[in-house]
Amino acid sequence: MSGRKTGVGGRALVILTFIFLYLPIIILIIFSFNSTKSRSVWSGFTLEWYEKLFSNELILSSLYTTLAVSALAAAFSAVFGTFAAIGFFNMKRRLRTPMLTVNNIPVINADIITGVSLSLLFVFAGSIFKFNLGFGTLLIAHISFNIPYVILSVMPKLYRLDRNLIEAARDLGCTWFRGFIKVIVPEIMPGIINGLIIAFTMSIDDFVISYFTAGSRVQTLSMTIYAMTRKRVSPEINAVSTLLFATVLTLLVIINIREIRQEKHGKKTEKET
């Protein structure tokens, strides 16, 4: 009986936790379709706030900036992170372990610390090389905190990589670069794509680091939403938040589906071998 009570209590706690986490988001989504500006009374269904959202130049400009930064940061992070992961993989274990520990620091580090430290770095470098905070510093900041996520996505694929394939390619006359493109990249491509999607998601979602590194001339979507909420919560904010949540949720679903398929494929491969 005690085991059943514990199980029921555990399920109830899980349900309450999910309600606490997701009920505010559900309410936000519902009231993004409310026909009035009321945040407590439902007055009818409308798409007016979405129409106004796509005619708001400030929000659209911030959206374009966010998408540009996220896409470029994800692309650069995927390239740099892949080469860094290969470098870690080729290290001896006594060097690889501490280096991977250092790589994990930005992942578990507080965003406020990363944002302030990068801001101080850019201000110091700007005083020497004569540049100001802007799109360039924002992009560099996003690349810097995205690279560790790409490395963490690519490393498991490298551990599964059969080194005999590389040696066989070299014996058949492949140069290092051709062997890398024809042998290594296809084997680790699922990890690269996962890292790319995660980096894109992290960039879209980021606020704190962007706030400290973007300067006064560039604003991402999260910064614009924050500035709007300081005055009052407009239904347009509900609409843009709904779209942002849907985008991130879609990307997370894609990542999880890919991981499930990769695990099934890996199990089938192990059984066949």
C-alpha atoms as a PDB file:
ATOM      1  CA  MET A   1       0.000   0.000   0.000  1.00  0.00           C
ATOM      2  CA  SER A   2       2.813   2.404   0.863  1.00  0.00           C
ATOM      3  CA  GLY A   3       4.386   1.810  -2.548  1.00  0.00           C
ATOM      4  CA  ARG A   4       1.101   2.668  -4.285  1.00  0.00           C
ATOM      5  CA  LYS A   5       0.708   5.821  -2.191  1.00  0.00           C
ATOM      6  CA  THR A   6       4.265   6.847  -3.050  1.00  0.00           C
ATOM      7  CA  GLY A   7       3.592   6.227  -6.748  1.00  0.00           C
ATOM      8  CA  VAL A   8       0.365   8.253  -6.690  1.00  0.00           C
ATOM      9  CA  GLY A   9       2.052  11.053  -4.763  1.00  0.00           C
ATOM     10  CA  GLY A  10       4.955  11.091  -7.216  1.00  0.00           C
ATOM     11  CA  ARG A  11       2.624  11.304 -10.219  1.00  0.00           C
ATOM     12  CA  ALA A  12       0.632  14.080  -8.549  1.00  0.00           C
ATOM     13  CA  LEU A  13       3.845  16.012  -7.901  1.00  0.00           C
ATOM     14  CA  VAL A  14       4.899  15.619 -11.544  1.00  0.00           C
ATOM     15  CA  ILE A  15       1.484  16.827 -12.736  1.00  0.00           C
ATOM     16  CA  LEU A  16       1.593  19.857 -10.409  1.00  0.00           C
ATOM     17  CA  THR A  17       5.115  20.674 -11.606  1.00  0.00           C
ATOM     18  CA  PHE A  18       4.052  20.598 -15.246  1.00  0.00           C
ATOM     19  CA  ILE A  19       0.995  22.725 -14.471  1.00  0.00           C
ATOM     20  CA  PHE A  20       3.192  25.261 -12.673  1.00  0.00           C
ATOM     21  CA  LEU A  21       5.671  25.382 -15.575  1.00  0.00           C
ATOM     22  CA  TYR A  22       3.347  25.362 -18.562  1.00  0.00           C
ATOM     23  CA  LEU A  23       0.061  26.905 -17.425  1.00  0.00           C
ATOM     24  CA  PRO A  24       1.419  30.489 -17.772  1.00  0.00           C
ATOM     25  CA  ILE A  25       2.574  29.686 -21.316  1.00  0.00           C
ATOM     26  CA  ILE A  26      -0.820  28.209 -22.202  1.00  0.00           C
ATOM     27  CA  ILE A  27      -2.562  31.316 -20.848  1.00  0.00           C
ATOM     28  CA  LEU A  28      -0.196  33.538 -22.863  1.00  0.00           C
ATOM     29  CA  ILE A  29      -0.969  31.590 -26.049  1.00  0.00           C
ATOM     30  CA  ILE A  30      -4.733  31.740 -25.439  1.00  0.00           C
ATOM     31  CA  PHE A  31      -4.768  35.505 -24.810  1.00  0.00           C
ATOM     32  CA  SER A  32      -2.664  36.156 -27.904  1.00  0.00           C
ATOM     33  CA  PHE A  33      -5.921  35.407 -29.770  1.00  0.00           C
ATOM     34  CA  ASN A  34      -8.121  37.537 -27.490  1.00  0.00           C
ATOM     35  CA  SER A  35     -10.110  40.226 -29.319  1.00  0.00           C
ATOM     36  CA  THR A  36      -9.449  42.832 -26.603  1.00  0.00           C
ATOM     37  CA  LYS A  37      -6.359  43.951 -24.699  1.00  0.00           C
ATOM     38  CA  SER A  38      -7.644  42.387 -21.490  1.00  0.00           C
ATOM     39  CA  ARG A  39      -5.256  39.953 -19.815  1.00  0.00           C
ATOM     40  CA  SER A  40      -7.937  38.322 -17.657  1.00  0.00           C
ATOM     41  CA  VAL A  41     -11.244  38.344 -19.580  1.00  0.00           C
ATOM     42  CA  TRP A  42     -11.752  36.365 -22.791  1.00  0.00           C
ATOM     43  CA  SER A  43     -13.733  38.470 -25.277  1.00  0.00           C
ATOM     44  CA  GLY A  44     -13.539  36.442 -28.480  1.00  0.00           C
ATOM     45  CA  PHE A  45     -11.156  34.992 -31.047  1.00  0.00           C
ATOM     46  CA  THR A  46      -9.128  37.241 -33.342  1.00  0.00           C
ATOM     47  CA  LEU A  47      -5.881  37.339 -35.353  1.00  0.00           C
ATOM     48  CA  GLU A  48      -5.636  41.121 -35.055  1.00  0.00           C
ATOM     49  CA  TRP A  49      -2.564  41.069 -32.814  1.00  0.00           C
ATOM     50  CA  TYR A  50      -0.680  38.822 -35.234  1.00  0.00           C
ATOM     51  CA  GLU A  51      -1.546  41.189 -38.092  1.00  0.00           C
ATOM     52  CA  LYS A  52      -0.301  44.165 -36.076  1.00  0.00           C
ATOM     53  CA  LEU A  53       2.787  42.191 -35.128  1.00  0.00           C
ATOM     54  CA  PHE A  54       3.810  41.723 -38.764  1.00  0.00           C
ATOM     55  CA  SER A  55       3.280  45.423 -39.459  1.00  0.00           C
ATOM     56  CA  ASN A  56       5.392  46.543 -36.490  1.00  0.00           C
ATOM     57  CA  GLU A  57       8.726  47.681 -37.972  1.00  0.00           C
ATOM     58  CA  LEU A  58      10.555  47.561 -34.625  1.00  0.00           C
ATOM     59  CA  ILE A  59       9.606  43.937 -33.982  1.00  0.00           C
ATOM     60  CA  LEU A  60      10.283  42.892 -37.586  1.00  0.00           C
ATOM     61  CA  SER A  61      13.711  44.549 -37.516  1.00  0.00           C
ATOM     62  CA  SER A  62      14.532  42.769 -34.255  1.00  0.00           C
ATOM     63  CA  LEU A  63      13.272  39.488 -35.728  1.00  0.00           C
ATOM     64  CA  TYR A  64      15.514  39.841 -38.800  1.00  0.00           C
ATOM     65  CA  THR A  65      18.485  40.603 -36.534  1.00  0.00           C
ATOM     66  CA  THR A  66      17.717  37.578 -34.360  1.00  0.00           C
ATOM     67  CA  LEU A  67      17.378  35.236 -37.334  1.00  0.00           C
ATOM     68  CA  ALA A  68      20.551  36.572 -38.962  1.00  0.00           C
ATOM     69  CA  VAL A  69      22.600  36.240 -35.774  1.00  0.00           C
ATOM     70  CA  SER A  70      21.151  32.804 -34.976  1.00  0.00           C
ATOM     71  CA  ALA A  71      21.741  31.416 -38.480  1.00  0.00           C
ATOM     72  CA  LEU A  72      25.292  32.770 -38.775  1.00  0.00           C
ATOM     73  CA  ALA A  73      26.207  31.787 -35.218  1.00  0.00           C
ATOM     74  CA  ALA A  74      24.839  28.269 -35.727  1.00  0.00           C
ATOM     75  CA  ALA A  75      26.739  27.852 -39.012  1.00  0.00           C
ATOM     76  CA  PHE A  76      30.074  29.115 -37.660  1.00  0.00           C
ATOM     77  CA  SER A  77      29.634  27.177 -34.416  1.00  0.00           C
ATOM     78  CA  ALA A  78      28.951  23.977 -36.349  1.00  0.00           C
ATOM     79  CA  VAL A  79      32.187  24.370 -38.325  1.00  0.00           C
ATOM     80  CA  PHE A  80      34.416  25.478 -35.445  1.00  0.00           C
ATOM     81  CA  GLY A  81      32.829  23.064 -32.983  1.00  0.00           C
ATOM     82  CA  THR A  82      33.264  20.100 -35.347  1.00  0.00           C
ATOM     83  CA  PHE A  83      36.971  20.776 -35.875  1.00  0.00           C
ATOM     84  CA  ALA A  84      37.419  21.378 -32.132  1.00  0.00           C
ATOM     85  CA  ALA A  85      35.686  18.060 -31.348  1.00  0.00           C
ATOM     86  CA  ILE A  86      37.979  16.242 -33.794  1.00  0.00           C
ATOM     87  CA  GLY A  87      40.960  17.908 -32.140  1.00  0.00           C
ATOM     88  CA  PHE A  88      39.786  16.769 -28.702  1.00  0.00           C
ATOM     89  CA  PHE A  89      39.136  13.267 -30.034  1.00  0.00           C
ATOM     90  CA  ASN A  90      42.698  12.958 -31.354  1.00  0.00           C
ATOM     91  CA  MET A  91      44.232  14.062 -28.044  1.00  0.00           C
ATOM     92  CA  LYS A  92      45.538  11.628 -25.499  1.00  0.00           C
ATOM     93  CA  ARG A  93      43.046  10.828 -22.753  1.00  0.00           C
ATOM     94  CA  ARG A  94      45.048  12.613 -20.039  1.00  0.00           C
ATOM     95  CA  LEU A  95      44.802  15.836 -22.066  1.00  0.00           C
ATOM     96  CA  ARG A  96      41.314  15.265 -23.488  1.00  0.00           C
ATOM     97  CA  THR A  97      39.572  14.957 -20.116  1.00  0.00           C
ATOM     98  CA  PRO A  98      40.667  18.338 -18.676  1.00  0.00           C
ATOM     99  CA  MET A  99      40.070  20.045 -22.026  1.00  0.00           C
ATOM    100  CA  LEU A 100      36.508  18.719 -22.184  1.00  0.00           C
ATOM    101  CA  THR A 101      36.006  19.890 -18.604  1.00  0.00           C
ATOM    102  CA  VAL A 102      37.059  23.382 -19.657  1.00  0.00           C
ATOM    103  CA  ASN A 103      34.692  23.110 -22.638  1.00  0.00           C
ATOM    104  CA  ASN A 104      31.792  22.358 -20.273  1.00  0.00           C
ATOM    105  CA  ILE A 105      32.342  25.517 -18.215  1.00  0.00           C
ATOM    106  CA  PRO A 106      30.412  27.852 -20.584  1.00  0.00           C
ATOM    107  CA  VAL A 107      27.529  25.356 -20.614  1.00  0.00           C
ATOM    108  CA  ILE A 108      27.060  25.310 -16.829  1.00  0.00           C
ATOM    109  CA  ASN A 109      28.243  28.887 -16.268  1.00  0.00           C
ATOM    110  CA  ALA A 110      25.646  31.560 -15.475  1.00  0.00           C
ATOM    111  CA  ASP A 111      24.674  33.644 -18.520  1.00  0.00           C
ATOM    112  CA  ILE A 112      25.141  36.844 -16.540  1.00  0.00           C
ATOM    113  CA  ILE A 113      28.810  35.998 -15.939  1.00  0.00           C
ATOM    114  CA  THR A 114      29.396  35.114 -19.588  1.00  0.00           C
ATOM    115  CA  GLY A 115      27.610  38.258 -20.763  1.00  0.00           C
ATOM    116  CA  VAL A 116      29.467  40.637 -18.438  1.00  0.00           C
ATOM    117  CA  SER A 117      32.877  39.055 -19.138  1.00  0.00           C
ATOM    118  CA  LEU A 118      32.376  39.212 -22.914  1.00  0.00           C
ATOM    119  CA  SER A 119      31.154  42.789 -22.623  1.00  0.00           C
ATOM    120  CA  LEU A 120      34.301  43.781 -20.700  1.00  0.00           C
ATOM    121  CA  LEU A 121      36.453  41.979 -23.269  1.00  0.00           C
ATOM    122  CA  PHE A 122      34.789  43.752 -26.208  1.00  0.00           C
ATOM    123  CA  VAL A 123      34.997  47.150 -24.520  1.00  0.00           C
ATOM    124  CA  PHE A 124      38.709  46.623 -23.785  1.00  0.00           C
ATOM    125  CA  ALA A 125      39.416  45.381 -27.330  1.00  0.00           C
ATOM    126  CA  GLY A 126      37.309  48.195 -28.784  1.00  0.00           C
ATOM    127  CA  SER A 127      39.373  50.814 -26.988  1.00  0.00           C
ATOM    128  CA  ILE A 128      42.494  49.388 -28.652  1.00  0.00           C
ATOM    129  CA  PHE A 129      41.197  48.540 -32.138  1.00  0.00           C
ATOM    130  CA  LYS A 130      38.622  51.351 -32.269  1.00  0.00           C
ATOM    131  CA  PHE A 131      35.262  49.584 -32.644  1.00  0.00           C
ATOM    132  CA  ASN A 132      31.986  49.697 -30.748  1.00  0.00           C
ATOM    133  CA  LEU A 133      29.544  47.078 -29.569  1.00  0.00           C
ATOM    134  CA  GLY A 134      27.187  46.053 -32.353  1.00  0.00           C
ATOM    135  CA  PHE A 135      26.219  43.228 -34.683  1.00  0.00           C
ATOM    136  CA  GLY A 136      29.791  41.928 -34.908  1.00  0.00           C
ATOM    137  CA  THR A 137      30.314  41.626 -31.163  1.00  0.00           C
ATOM    138  CA  LEU A 138      26.840  40.111 -30.778  1.00  0.00           C
ATOM    139  CA  LEU A 139      27.657  37.470 -33.394  1.00  0.00           C
ATOM    140  CA  ILE A 140      31.023  36.634 -31.804  1.00  0.00           C
ATOM    141  CA  ALA A 141      29.348  36.283 -28.398  1.00  0.00           C
ATOM    142  CA  HIS A 142      26.751  33.875 -29.781  1.00  0.00           C
ATOM    143  CA  ILE A 143      29.414  31.813 -31.546  1.00  0.00           C
ATOM    144  CA  SER A 144      31.468  31.589 -28.358  1.00  0.00           C
ATOM    145  CA  PHE A 145      28.659  30.178 -26.201  1.00  0.00           C
ATOM    146  CA  ASN A 146      27.323  27.902 -28.959  1.00  0.00           C
ATOM    147  CA  ILE A 147      30.573  26.083 -29.777  1.00  0.00           C
ATOM    148  CA  PRO A 148      30.565  23.948 -26.575  1.00  0.00           C
ATOM    149  CA  TYR A 149      27.092  22.628 -27.434  1.00  0.00           C
ATOM    150  CA  VAL A 150      28.273  21.578 -30.887  1.00  0.00           C
ATOM    151  CA  ILE A 151      31.309  19.837 -29.380  1.00  0.00           C
ATOM    152  CA  LEU A 152      29.076  17.946 -26.941  1.00  0.00           C
ATOM    153  CA  SER A 153      26.871  16.839 -29.855  1.00  0.00           C
ATOM    154  CA  VAL A 154      29.731  15.723 -32.122  1.00  0.00           C
ATOM    155  CA  MET A 155      31.951  13.949 -29.562  1.00  0.00           C
ATOM    156  CA  PRO A 156      29.637  10.905 -29.042  1.00  0.00           C
ATOM    157  CA  LYS A 157      29.608  10.329 -32.814  1.00  0.00           C
ATOM    158  CA  LEU A 158      33.398  10.432 -32.902  1.00  0.00           C
ATOM    159  CA  TYR A 159      33.609   7.855 -30.119  1.00  0.00           C
ATOM    160  CA  ARG A 160      31.489   5.523 -32.266  1.00  0.00           C
ATOM    161  CA  LEU A 161      33.638   6.161 -35.328  1.00  0.00           C
ATOM    162  CA  ASP A 162      35.562   3.137 -36.573  1.00  0.00           C
ATOM    163  CA  ARG A 163      39.193   4.219 -36.924  1.00  0.00           C
ATOM    164  CA  ASN A 164      39.744   1.388 -39.419  1.00  0.00           C
ATOM    165  CA  LEU A 165      37.660   3.328 -41.938  1.00  0.00           C
ATOM    166  CA  ILE A 166      40.119   6.232 -41.783  1.00  0.00           C
ATOM    167  CA  GLU A 167      43.124   3.947 -42.119  1.00  0.00           C
ATOM    168  CA  ALA A 168      41.488   2.122 -45.031  1.00  0.00           C
ATOM    169  CA  ALA A 169      40.816   5.426 -46.806  1.00  0.00           C
ATOM    170  CA  ARG A 170      44.454   6.447 -46.400  1.00  0.00           C
ATOM    171  CA  ASP A 171      45.652   3.061 -47.688  1.00  0.00           C
ATOM    172  CA  LEU A 172      43.493   3.585 -50.786  1.00  0.00           C
ATOM    173  CA  GLY A 173      45.198   6.888 -51.501  1.00  0.00           C
ATOM    174  CA  CYS A 174      42.867   9.439 -49.881  1.00  0.00           C
ATOM    175  CA  THR A 175      44.465  12.651 -48.767  1.00  0.00           C
ATOM    176  CA  TRP A 176      43.712  13.876 -45.242  1.00  0.00           C
ATOM    177  CA  PHE A 177      41.157  16.419 -46.481  1.00  0.00           C
ATOM    178  CA  ARG A 178      39.438  14.004 -48.884  1.00  0.00           C
ATOM    179  CA  GLY A 179      39.300  11.339 -46.184  1.00  0.00           C
ATOM    180  CA  PHE A 180      37.816  13.884 -43.795  1.00  0.00           C
ATOM    181  CA  ILE A 181      35.102  14.880 -46.284  1.00  0.00           C
ATOM    182  CA  LYS A 182      34.309  11.386 -47.599  1.00  0.00           C
ATOM    183  CA  VAL A 183      34.714   9.283 -44.449  1.00  0.00           C
ATOM    184  CA  ILE A 184      34.602  11.272 -41.215  1.00  0.00           C
ATOM    185  CA  VAL A 185      31.957  13.901 -42.038  1.00  0.00           C
ATOM    186  CA  PRO A 186      29.273  11.420 -43.224  1.00  0.00           C
ATOM    187  CA  GLU A 187      29.752   9.363 -40.053  1.00  0.00           C
ATOM    188  CA  ILE A 188      29.434  12.319 -37.674  1.00  0.00           C
ATOM    189  CA  MET A 189      26.891  14.304 -39.720  1.00  0.00           C
ATOM    190  CA  PRO A 190      23.956  13.483 -37.353  1.00  0.00           C
ATOM    191  CA  GLY A 191      25.915  15.009 -34.459  1.00  0.00           C
ATOM    192  CA  ILE A 192      26.799  18.075 -36.541  1.00  0.00           C
ATOM    193  CA  ILE A 193      23.149  18.623 -37.493  1.00  0.00           C
ATOM    194  CA  ASN A 194      22.017  18.188 -33.876  1.00  0.00           C
ATOM    195  CA  GLY A 195      24.647  20.687 -32.755  1.00  0.00           C
ATOM    196  CA  LEU A 196      23.568  23.098 -35.493  1.00  0.00           C
ATOM    197  CA  ILE A 197      19.919  22.942 -34.411  1.00  0.00           C
ATOM    198  CA  ILE A 198      20.801  23.298 -30.719  1.00  0.00           C
ATOM    199  CA  ALA A 199      23.040  26.295 -31.470  1.00  0.00           C
ATOM    200  CA  PHE A 200      20.275  27.941 -33.510  1.00  0.00           C
ATOM    201  CA  THR A 201      17.774  27.334 -30.701  1.00  0.00           C
ATOM    202  CA  MET A 202      20.121  28.700 -28.035  1.00  0.00           C
ATOM    203  CA  SER A 203      20.762  31.846 -30.091  1.00  0.00           C
ATOM    204  CA  ILE A 204      17.071  32.545 -30.650  1.00  0.00           C
ATOM    205  CA  ASP A 205      16.344  32.033 -26.957  1.00  0.00           C
ATOM    206  CA  ASP A 206      19.243  34.091 -25.567  1.00  0.00           C
ATOM    207  CA  PHE A 207      18.646  37.408 -23.838  1.00  0.00           C
ATOM    208  CA  VAL A 208      21.229  38.026 -21.122  1.00  0.00           C
ATOM    209  CA  ILE A 209      24.394  37.614 -23.203  1.00  0.00           C
ATOM    210  CA  SER A 210      22.835  39.545 -26.095  1.00  0.00           C
ATOM    211  CA  TYR A 211      21.863  42.362 -23.736  1.00  0.00           C
ATOM    212  CA  PHE A 212      25.483  42.877 -22.644  1.00  0.00           C
ATOM    213  CA  THR A 213      27.167  42.455 -26.044  1.00  0.00           C
ATOM    214  CA  ALA A 214      24.802  44.018 -28.610  1.00  0.00           C
ATOM    215  CA  GLY A 215      25.358  47.666 -27.730  1.00  0.00           C
ATOM    216  CA  SER A 216      22.736  50.371 -28.209  1.00  0.00           C
ATOM    217  CA  ARG A 217      22.358  50.179 -32.000  1.00  0.00           C
ATOM    218  CA  VAL A 218      21.324  46.530 -32.344  1.00  0.00           C
ATOM    219  CA  GLN A 219      18.400  44.731 -30.704  1.00  0.00           C
ATOM    220  CA  THR A 220      17.399  41.101 -30.818  1.00  0.00           C
ATOM    221  CA  LEU A 221      13.801  39.994 -30.497  1.00  0.00           C
ATOM    222  CA  SER A 222      14.171  39.058 -26.820  1.00  0.00           C
ATOM    223  CA  MET A 223      15.632  42.502 -26.076  1.00  0.00           C
ATOM    224  CA  THR A 224      12.757  44.209 -27.877  1.00  0.00           C
ATOM    225  CA  ILE A 225      10.198  42.151 -25.936  1.00  0.00           C
ATOM    226  CA  TYR A 226      11.935  43.091 -22.676  1.00  0.00           C
ATOM    227  CA  ALA A 227      11.849  46.785 -23.592  1.00  0.00           C
ATOM    228  CA  MET A 228       8.138  46.554 -24.449  1.00  0.00           C
ATOM    229  CA  THR A 229       7.254  44.815 -21.180  1.00  0.00           C
ATOM    230  CA  ARG A 230       8.847  47.620 -19.176  1.00  0.00           C
ATOM    231  CA  LYS A 231       6.010  49.907 -20.348  1.00  0.00           C
ATOM    232  CA  ARG A 232       3.053  47.514 -20.436  1.00  0.00           C
ATOM    233  CA  VAL A 233       2.322  44.032 -21.721  1.00  0.00           C
ATOM    234  CA  SER A 234       0.793  44.474 -25.171  1.00  0.00           C
ATOM    235  CA  PRO A 235      -1.127  41.650 -26.878  1.00  0.00           C
ATOM    236  CA  GLU A 236       1.516  41.901 -29.610  1.00  0.00           C
ATOM    237  CA  ILE A 237       4.010  40.603 -27.050  1.00  0.00           C
ATOM    238  CA  ASN A 238       1.739  37.622 -26.453  1.00  0.00           C
ATOM    239  CA  ALA A 239       1.661  36.987 -30.198  1.00  0.00           C
ATOM    240  CA  VAL A 240       5.410  37.207 -30.735  1.00  0.00           C
ATOM    241  CA  SER A 241       6.053  35.120 -27.613  1.00  0.00           C
ATOM    242  CA  THR A 242       3.671  32.459 -28.945  1.00  0.00           C
ATOM    243  CA  LEU A 243       5.507  32.333 -32.272  1.00  0.00           C
ATOM    244  CA  LEU A 244       8.873  32.195 -30.507  1.00  0.00           C
ATOM    245  CA  PHE A 245       7.683  29.371 -28.245  1.00  0.00           C
ATOM    246  CA  ALA A 246       6.307  27.439 -31.234  1.00  0.00           C
ATOM    247  CA  THR A 247       9.614  27.812 -33.102  1.00  0.00           C
ATOM    248  CA  VAL A 248      11.738  26.608 -30.192  1.00  0.00           C
ATOM    249  CA  LEU A 249       9.307  23.762 -29.443  1.00  0.00           C
ATOM    250  CA  THR A 250       9.419  22.631 -33.082  1.00  0.00           C
ATOM    251  CA  LEU A 251      13.219  22.604 -33.089  1.00  0.00           C
ATOM    252  CA  LEU A 252      13.326  20.639 -29.825  1.00  0.00           C
ATOM    253  CA  VAL A 253      10.883  18.081 -31.226  1.00  0.00           C
ATOM    254  CA  ILE A 254      13.068  17.712 -34.324  1.00  0.00           C
ATOM    255  CA  ILE A 255      16.164  17.187 -32.152  1.00  0.00           C
ATOM    256  CA  ASN A 256      14.440  14.551 -30.011  1.00  0.00           C
ATOM    257  CA  ILE A 257      13.057  12.700 -33.035  1.00  0.00           C
ATOM    258  CA  ARG A 258      16.498  12.670 -34.624  1.00  0.00           C
ATOM    259  CA  GLU A 259      18.091  11.329 -31.425  1.00  0.00           C
ATOM    260  CA  ILE A 260      15.477   8.563 -31.134  1.00  0.00           C
ATOM    261  CA  ARG A 261      16.017   7.539 -34.755  1.00  0.00           C
ATOM    262  CA  GLN A 262      19.797   7.574 -34.291  1.00  0.00           C
ATOM    263  CA  GLU A 263      19.536   5.373 -31.201  1.00  0.00           C
ATOM    264  CA  LYS A 264      17.326   2.890 -33.068  1.00  0.00           C
ATOM    265  CA  HIS A 265      19.717   2.909 -36.025  1.00  0.00           C
ATOM    266  CA  GLY A 266      22.679   2.376 -33.698  1.00  0.00           C
ATOM    267  CA  LYS A 267      20.971  -0.571 -31.984  1.00  0.00           C
ATOM    268  CA  LYS A 268      20.159  -2.158 -35.371  1.00  0.00           C
ATOM    269  CA  THR A 269      23.765  -1.717 -36.496  1.00  0.00           C
ATOM    270  CA  GLU A 270      25.071  -3.337 -33.304  1.00  0.00           C
ATOM    271  CA  LYS A 271      22.707  -6.300 -33.740  1.00  0.00           C
ATOM    272  CA  GLU A 272      23.770  -6.760 -37.369  1.00  0.00           C
ATOM    273  CA  THR A 273      27.434  -6.735 -36.435  1.00  0.00           C
END
